[in-house]
């Protein structure tokens, strides 16, 4: 999951340098969604609500 976040952030950075603003925005939105998902999952595991086996 973290690998996909890094890939999307790199794609967003390269796209913004090349002037492809719509692609950069889409990649950044995908990265934000994945970051939020990972953060929520981390908090659920840290609080003991969800157990990952």
N, C-alpha and C. Protein backbone atom coordinates (compact mmCIF):
# COMPACT_ATOMS: atom_id res chain seq x y z
N UNK A 1 0.82 -1.19 0.00
CA UNK A 1 0.00 0.00 0.00
C UNK A 1 0.87 1.26 0.00
N UNK A 2 1.90 1.25 0.85
CA UNK A 2 2.79 2.40 0.89
C UNK A 2 3.56 2.57 -0.42
N UNK A 3 3.81 1.45 -1.08
CA UNK A 3 4.49 1.50 -2.38
C UNK A 3 3.64 2.26 -3.40
N UNK A 4 2.33 2.03 -3.39
CA UNK A 4 1.44 2.72 -4.31
C UNK A 4 1.37 4.21 -4.00
N UNK A 5 1.42 4.57 -2.72
CA UNK A 5 1.40 5.98 -2.35
C UNK A 5 2.63 6.69 -2.90
N UNK A 6 3.79 6.07 -2.74
CA UNK A 6 5.03 6.66 -3.24
C UNK A 6 5.00 6.78 -4.76
N UNK A 7 4.50 5.75 -5.44
CA UNK A 7 4.42 5.78 -6.90
C UNK A 7 3.50 6.90 -7.36
N UNK A 8 2.34 7.05 -6.71
CA UNK A 8 1.42 8.11 -7.09
C UNK A 8 1.99 9.50 -6.82
N UNK A 9 2.73 9.65 -5.74
CA UNK A 9 3.36 10.95 -5.45
C UNK A 9 4.44 11.28 -6.48
N UNK A 10 5.19 10.29 -6.92
CA UNK A 10 6.21 10.52 -7.96
C UNK A 10 5.55 10.87 -9.28
N UNK A 11 4.48 10.16 -9.62
CA UNK A 11 3.75 10.47 -10.86
C UNK A 11 3.20 11.89 -10.81
N UNK A 12 2.66 12.29 -9.65
CA UNK A 12 2.11 13.65 -9.52
C UNK A 12 3.22 14.69 -9.67
N UNK A 13 4.38 14.44 -9.09
CA UNK A 13 5.48 15.40 -9.18
C UNK A 13 5.98 15.53 -10.61
N UNK A 14 6.16 14.41 -11.30
CA UNK A 14 6.64 14.45 -12.67
C UNK A 14 5.61 15.09 -13.59
N UNK A 15 4.35 14.76 -13.40
CA UNK A 15 3.30 15.34 -14.23
C UNK A 15 3.19 16.85 -14.03
N UNK A 16 3.37 17.30 -12.80
CA UNK A 16 3.29 18.74 -12.58
C UNK A 16 4.49 19.45 -13.18
N UNK A 17 5.65 18.82 -13.16
CA UNK A 17 6.82 19.42 -13.81
C UNK A 17 6.66 19.50 -15.32
N UNK A 18 5.94 18.54 -15.90
CA UNK A 18 5.72 18.53 -17.34
C UNK A 18 4.51 19.37 -17.76
N UNK A 19 3.79 19.92 -16.79
CA UNK A 19 2.65 20.76 -17.10
C UNK A 19 1.35 20.02 -17.31
N UNK A 20 1.29 18.79 -16.90
CA UNK A 20 0.07 17.99 -17.02
C UNK A 20 -0.71 18.09 -15.72
N UNK A 21 -1.40 19.19 -15.56
CA UNK A 21 -2.04 19.49 -14.28
C UNK A 21 -3.18 18.54 -13.93
N UNK A 22 -3.94 18.11 -14.92
CA UNK A 22 -5.06 17.21 -14.62
C UNK A 22 -4.56 15.85 -14.16
N UNK A 23 -3.49 15.37 -14.80
CA UNK A 23 -2.91 14.09 -14.38
C UNK A 23 -2.28 14.20 -13.00
N UNK A 24 -1.61 15.31 -12.75
CA UNK A 24 -1.01 15.53 -11.43
C UNK A 24 -2.07 15.59 -10.35
N UNK A 25 -3.18 16.25 -10.64
CA UNK A 25 -4.27 16.33 -9.67
C UNK A 25 -4.90 14.98 -9.39
N UNK A 26 -5.06 14.19 -10.44
CA UNK A 26 -5.64 12.86 -10.26
C UNK A 26 -4.72 11.96 -9.45
N UNK A 27 -3.44 12.01 -9.72
CA UNK A 27 -2.47 11.19 -8.97
C UNK A 27 -2.42 11.64 -7.52
N UNK A 28 -2.47 12.95 -7.30
CA UNK A 28 -2.43 13.46 -5.93
C UNK A 28 -3.69 13.08 -5.16
N UNK A 29 -4.83 13.09 -5.83
CA UNK A 29 -6.08 12.69 -5.18
C UNK A 29 -6.04 11.21 -4.80
N UNK A 30 -5.52 10.38 -5.70
CA UNK A 30 -5.37 8.96 -5.38
C UNK A 30 -4.44 8.74 -4.21
N UNK A 31 -3.35 9.49 -4.16
CA UNK A 31 -2.41 9.37 -3.05
C UNK A 31 -3.06 9.81 -1.73
N UNK A 32 -3.83 10.88 -1.78
CA UNK A 32 -4.52 11.36 -0.57
C UNK A 32 -5.50 10.33 -0.04
N UNK A 33 -6.24 9.70 -0.95
CA UNK A 33 -7.21 8.68 -0.54
C UNK A 33 -6.50 7.49 0.10
N UNK A 34 -5.39 7.05 -0.50
CA UNK A 34 -4.65 5.93 0.07
C UNK A 34 -4.02 6.29 1.41
N UNK A 35 -3.53 7.52 1.54
CA UNK A 35 -2.95 7.94 2.81
C UNK A 35 -4.02 7.95 3.90
N UNK A 36 -5.21 8.44 3.58
CA UNK A 36 -6.30 8.45 4.55
C UNK A 36 -6.69 7.03 4.95
N UNK A 37 -6.74 6.13 3.97
CA UNK A 37 -7.09 4.73 4.26
C UNK A 37 -6.05 4.07 5.16
N UNK A 38 -4.77 4.30 4.87
CA UNK A 38 -3.70 3.72 5.69
C UNK A 38 -3.73 4.31 7.09
N UNK A 39 -3.99 5.61 7.20
CA UNK A 39 -4.05 6.24 8.51
C UNK A 39 -5.19 5.69 9.35
N UNK A 40 -6.36 5.53 8.76
CA UNK A 40 -7.51 4.98 9.49
C UNK A 40 -7.22 3.54 9.90
N UNK A 41 -6.66 2.75 9.01
CA UNK A 41 -6.34 1.37 9.34
C UNK A 41 -5.30 1.30 10.46
N UNK A 42 -4.30 2.17 10.41
CA UNK A 42 -3.29 2.21 11.46
C UNK A 42 -3.91 2.56 12.81
N UNK A 43 -4.80 3.54 12.83
CA UNK A 43 -5.43 3.93 14.08
C UNK A 43 -6.32 2.82 14.63
N UNK A 44 -7.03 2.12 13.77
CA UNK A 44 -7.86 1.00 14.22
C UNK A 44 -7.02 -0.11 14.82
N UNK A 45 -5.88 -0.39 14.22
CA UNK A 45 -4.99 -1.43 14.75
C UNK A 45 -4.34 -0.95 16.05
N UNK A 46 -3.92 0.31 16.09
CA UNK A 46 -3.26 0.84 17.29
C UNK A 46 -4.19 0.88 18.48
N UNK A 47 -5.46 1.14 18.25
CA UNK A 47 -6.42 1.17 19.35
C UNK A 47 -6.95 -0.22 19.71
N UNK A 48 -6.59 -1.22 18.96
CA UNK A 48 -6.99 -2.58 19.27
C UNK A 48 -8.39 -2.94 18.79
N UNK A 49 -8.95 -2.14 17.93
CA UNK A 49 -10.29 -2.41 17.43
C UNK A 49 -10.25 -3.49 16.35
N UNK A 50 -9.21 -3.47 15.55
CA UNK A 50 -9.05 -4.45 14.47
C UNK A 50 -7.75 -5.18 14.67
N UNK A 51 -7.77 -6.48 14.51
CA UNK A 51 -6.55 -7.28 14.64
C UNK A 51 -6.17 -7.81 13.27
N UNK A 52 -4.93 -7.58 12.89
CA UNK A 52 -4.43 -8.10 11.62
C UNK A 52 -3.58 -9.34 11.93
N UNK A 53 -4.00 -10.48 11.39
CA UNK A 53 -3.28 -11.73 11.66
C UNK A 53 -2.21 -11.97 10.64
